[in-house]
Amino acid sequence: MKKIPTLKTDQEAEAFLDQDLSGLDFAQFKTTRFEFAPKSAALHLRLPEALLEGLKGRAKAQGVPYTRYVRMLLENDLAKGHS
């Protein structure tokens, strides 16, 4: 399978996308979340240090900042329809 090269310009990306991509190794891709809603409210809470360190570890494994990881957990829980 073919690897994705590092594309440094929009022109390189466009040229890359113009080819047959069926031989690419799609396992190298990772999910990216796009956040469009403005963040107009803040939540401040105190946590045990061990819990915060655990959150930071999980966030790092996901490749996101820990505050975004906490927001993702909240969004996922609400999306499940819990009341």
N, C-alpha and C. Protein backbone atom coordinates (compact mmCIF):
# COMPACT_ATOMS: atom_id res chain seq x y z
N MET A 1 0.84 -1.19 0.00
CA MET A 1 0.00 0.00 0.00
C MET A 1 0.88 1.25 0.00
N LYS A 2 0.37 2.27 -0.61
CA LYS A 2 1.10 3.53 -0.76
C LYS A 2 0.84 4.45 0.43
N LYS A 3 1.90 5.09 0.92
CA LYS A 3 1.80 6.05 2.02
C LYS A 3 1.47 7.44 1.47
N ILE A 4 0.88 8.27 2.32
CA ILE A 4 0.57 9.65 1.97
C ILE A 4 1.85 10.48 2.14
N PRO A 5 2.25 11.22 1.12
CA PRO A 5 3.42 12.08 1.28
C PRO A 5 3.06 13.32 2.10
N THR A 6 4.06 13.99 2.61
CA THR A 6 3.83 15.26 3.31
C THR A 6 3.60 16.32 2.25
N LEU A 7 2.44 16.97 2.30
CA LEU A 7 2.07 17.98 1.31
C LEU A 7 2.25 19.35 1.95
N LYS A 8 3.08 20.18 1.35
CA LYS A 8 3.43 21.46 1.96
C LYS A 8 2.63 22.63 1.43
N THR A 9 1.99 22.47 0.29
CA THR A 9 1.23 23.58 -0.28
C THR A 9 -0.14 23.09 -0.74
N ASP A 10 -1.05 24.02 -0.95
CA ASP A 10 -2.37 23.67 -1.49
C ASP A 10 -2.23 23.07 -2.88
N GLN A 11 -1.28 23.56 -3.65
CA GLN A 11 -1.08 23.05 -5.01
C GLN A 11 -0.63 21.58 -4.97
N GLU A 12 0.27 21.25 -4.04
CA GLU A 12 0.69 19.86 -3.89
C GLU A 12 -0.49 18.97 -3.50
N ALA A 13 -1.32 19.46 -2.61
CA ALA A 13 -2.50 18.69 -2.18
C ALA A 13 -3.46 18.48 -3.34
N GLU A 14 -3.71 19.52 -4.11
CA GLU A 14 -4.61 19.40 -5.27
C GLU A 14 -4.06 18.39 -6.28
N ALA A 15 -2.76 18.46 -6.55
CA ALA A 15 -2.15 17.53 -7.51
C ALA A 15 -2.24 16.10 -6.98
N PHE A 16 -2.03 15.93 -5.69
CA PHE A 16 -2.11 14.60 -5.09
C PHE A 16 -3.52 14.03 -5.21
N LEU A 17 -4.53 14.87 -4.99
CA LEU A 17 -5.92 14.41 -5.03
C LEU A 17 -6.41 14.14 -6.44
N ASP A 18 -5.70 14.64 -7.44
CA ASP A 18 -6.10 14.42 -8.83
C ASP A 18 -5.71 13.04 -9.35
N GLN A 19 -5.00 12.26 -8.57
CA GLN A 19 -4.56 10.93 -9.02
C GLN A 19 -5.50 9.84 -8.50
N ASP A 20 -5.27 8.62 -8.95
CA ASP A 20 -6.02 7.46 -8.47
C ASP A 20 -5.57 7.15 -7.05
N LEU A 21 -6.48 7.23 -6.09
CA LEU A 21 -6.14 7.04 -4.68
C LEU A 21 -6.49 5.65 -4.16
N SER A 22 -6.87 4.75 -5.04
CA SER A 22 -7.33 3.43 -4.60
C SER A 22 -6.23 2.58 -3.98
N GLY A 23 -4.96 2.89 -4.23
CA GLY A 23 -3.87 2.10 -3.67
C GLY A 23 -3.32 2.65 -2.37
N LEU A 24 -4.02 3.60 -1.77
CA LEU A 24 -3.52 4.21 -0.53
C LEU A 24 -3.81 3.35 0.68
N ASP A 25 -2.94 3.43 1.66
CA ASP A 25 -3.12 2.76 2.94
C ASP A 25 -3.91 3.69 3.84
N PHE A 26 -5.22 3.49 3.94
CA PHE A 26 -6.08 4.38 4.71
C PHE A 26 -5.94 4.18 6.22
N ALA A 27 -5.21 3.16 6.66
CA ALA A 27 -5.00 2.94 8.09
C ALA A 27 -4.15 4.06 8.70
N GLN A 28 -3.45 4.80 7.87
CA GLN A 28 -2.59 5.87 8.39
C GLN A 28 -3.37 7.14 8.74
N PHE A 29 -4.63 7.21 8.34
CA PHE A 29 -5.45 8.38 8.64
C PHE A 29 -6.02 8.28 10.05
N LYS A 30 -6.24 9.42 10.68
CA LYS A 30 -6.92 9.43 11.97
C LYS A 30 -8.06 10.45 11.91
N THR A 31 -9.07 10.21 12.70
CA THR A 31 -10.26 11.04 12.72
C THR A 31 -9.93 12.44 13.22
N THR A 32 -10.48 13.44 12.56
CA THR A 32 -10.31 14.82 12.98
C THR A 32 -11.68 15.41 13.22
N ARG A 33 -11.81 16.13 14.33
CA ARG A 33 -13.07 16.79 14.65
C ARG A 33 -12.94 18.26 14.32
N PHE A 34 -13.96 18.81 13.71
CA PHE A 34 -14.00 20.22 13.41
C PHE A 34 -15.03 20.86 14.32
N GLU A 35 -14.65 21.94 14.97
CA GLU A 35 -15.54 22.61 15.91
C GLU A 35 -15.94 23.95 15.32
N PHE A 36 -17.23 24.10 15.04
CA PHE A 36 -17.71 25.32 14.42
C PHE A 36 -18.47 26.23 15.38
N ALA A 37 -19.08 25.65 16.41
CA ALA A 37 -19.87 26.46 17.34
C ALA A 37 -18.94 27.30 18.20
N PRO A 38 -19.28 28.57 18.38
CA PRO A 38 -18.44 29.42 19.24
C PRO A 38 -18.54 28.96 20.69
N LYS A 39 -17.47 29.13 21.40
CA LYS A 39 -17.45 28.78 22.82
C LYS A 39 -17.74 30.04 23.61
N SER A 40 -18.97 30.17 24.06
CA SER A 40 -19.40 31.41 24.71
C SER A 40 -19.64 31.24 26.21
N ALA A 41 -19.43 30.05 26.75
CA ALA A 41 -19.62 29.82 28.18
C ALA A 41 -18.40 29.06 28.71
N ALA A 42 -18.15 29.21 29.98
CA ALA A 42 -17.01 28.54 30.60
C ALA A 42 -17.47 27.67 31.76
N LEU A 43 -16.75 26.61 31.98
CA LEU A 43 -17.01 25.70 33.08
C LEU A 43 -15.71 25.55 33.87
N HIS A 44 -15.77 25.86 35.13
CA HIS A 44 -14.59 25.74 35.99
C HIS A 44 -14.92 24.71 37.06
N LEU A 45 -14.05 23.71 37.20
CA LEU A 45 -14.29 22.72 38.23
C LEU A 45 -12.98 22.24 38.81
N ARG A 46 -13.06 21.79 40.03
CA ARG A 46 -11.88 21.26 40.70
C ARG A 46 -11.98 19.74 40.66
N LEU A 47 -10.85 19.11 40.35
CA LEU A 47 -10.79 17.66 40.24
C LEU A 47 -9.63 17.14 41.07
N PRO A 48 -9.73 15.89 41.52
CA PRO A 48 -8.56 15.28 42.13
C PRO A 48 -7.43 15.22 41.10
N GLU A 49 -6.21 15.44 41.54
CA GLU A 49 -5.08 15.47 40.60
C GLU A 49 -4.97 14.19 39.78
N ALA A 50 -5.24 13.04 40.39
CA ALA A 50 -5.15 11.77 39.68
C ALA A 50 -6.15 11.71 38.53
N LEU A 51 -7.35 12.24 38.75
CA LEU A 51 -8.36 12.25 37.70
C LEU A 51 -7.92 13.16 36.55
N LEU A 52 -7.41 14.33 36.87
CA LEU A 52 -6.94 15.24 35.84
C LEU A 52 -5.78 14.63 35.05
N GLU A 53 -4.85 13.99 35.73
CA GLU A 53 -3.73 13.35 35.04
C GLU A 53 -4.22 12.22 34.14
N GLY A 54 -5.23 11.47 34.60
CA GLY A 54 -5.82 10.42 33.77
C GLY A 54 -6.46 11.00 32.52
N LEU A 55 -7.19 12.12 32.68
CA LEU A 55 -7.80 12.78 31.53
C LEU A 55 -6.74 13.25 30.54
N LYS A 56 -5.68 13.83 31.08
CA LYS A 56 -4.60 14.32 30.21
C LYS A 56 -3.96 13.16 29.44
N GLY A 57 -3.79 12.02 30.10
CA GLY A 57 -3.22 10.85 29.43
C GLY A 57 -4.10 10.35 28.31
N ARG A 58 -5.40 10.25 28.58
CA ARG A 58 -6.34 9.81 27.55
C ARG A 58 -6.39 10.79 26.39
N ALA A 59 -6.37 12.09 26.72
CA ALA A 59 -6.40 13.11 25.68
C ALA A 59 -5.16 13.02 24.80
N LYS A 60 -4.01 12.83 25.42
CA LYS A 60 -2.77 12.71 24.65
C LYS A 60 -2.83 11.50 23.72
N ALA A 61 -3.38 10.39 24.20
CA ALA A 61 -3.52 9.20 23.37
C ALA A 61 -4.44 9.45 22.18
N GLN A 62 -5.43 10.34 22.35
CA GLN A 62 -6.35 10.69 21.26
C GLN A 62 -5.77 11.78 20.37
N GLY A 63 -4.69 12.42 20.82
CA GLY A 63 -4.05 13.47 20.04
C GLY A 63 -4.78 14.81 20.12
N VAL A 64 -5.45 15.06 21.25
CA VAL A 64 -6.18 16.32 21.42
C VAL A 64 -5.82 16.94 22.77
N PRO A 65 -5.99 18.25 22.91
CA PRO A 65 -5.79 18.87 24.22
C PRO A 65 -6.81 18.32 25.23
N TYR A 66 -6.43 18.29 26.50
CA TYR A 66 -7.31 17.67 27.49
C TYR A 66 -8.63 18.41 27.65
N THR A 67 -8.65 19.73 27.46
CA THR A 67 -9.92 20.44 27.57
C THR A 67 -10.87 20.04 26.44
N ARG A 68 -10.34 19.85 25.24
CA ARG A 68 -11.17 19.38 24.13
C ARG A 68 -11.65 17.96 24.39
N TYR A 69 -10.79 17.14 25.00
CA TYR A 69 -11.18 15.76 25.32
C TYR A 69 -12.36 15.75 26.29
N VAL A 70 -12.31 16.60 27.31
CA VAL A 70 -13.42 16.68 28.27
C VAL A 70 -14.68 17.12 27.53
N ARG A 71 -14.57 18.10 26.65
CA ARG A 71 -15.73 18.56 25.88
C ARG A 71 -16.27 17.44 24.99
N MET A 72 -15.38 16.64 24.40
CA MET A 72 -15.82 15.50 23.58
C MET A 72 -16.58 14.48 24.42
N LEU A 73 -16.10 14.22 25.64
CA LEU A 73 -16.80 13.29 26.53
C LEU A 73 -18.21 13.78 26.83
N LEU A 74 -18.33 15.07 27.13
CA LEU A 74 -19.64 15.65 27.41
C LEU A 74 -20.55 15.58 26.19
N GLU A 75 -20.02 15.94 25.02
CA GLU A 75 -20.82 15.90 23.79
C GLU A 75 -21.29 14.49 23.48
N ASN A 76 -20.38 13.51 23.63
CA ASN A 76 -20.75 12.11 23.35
C ASN A 76 -21.83 11.62 24.30
N ASP A 77 -21.73 11.99 25.57
CA ASP A 77 -22.74 11.57 26.54
C ASP A 77 -24.09 12.17 26.20
N LEU A 78 -24.10 13.45 25.87
CA LEU A 78 -25.37 14.12 25.52
C LEU A 78 -25.95 13.57 24.22
N ALA A 79 -25.10 13.20 23.29
CA ALA A 79 -25.57 12.65 22.01
C ALA A 79 -26.25 11.29 22.19
N LYS A 80 -25.92 10.58 23.25
CA LYS A 80 -26.53 9.28 23.52
C LYS A 80 -27.99 9.42 23.95
N GLY A 81 -28.41 10.63 24.27
CA GLY A 81 -29.81 10.84 24.65
C GLY A 81 -30.08 10.66 26.11
N HIS A 82 -29.04 10.72 26.93
CA HIS A 82 -29.28 10.64 28.37
C HIS A 82 -30.05 11.85 28.84
N SER A 83 -30.90 11.64 29.81
CA SER A 83 -31.66 12.79 30.34
C SER A 83 -31.32 13.04 31.78
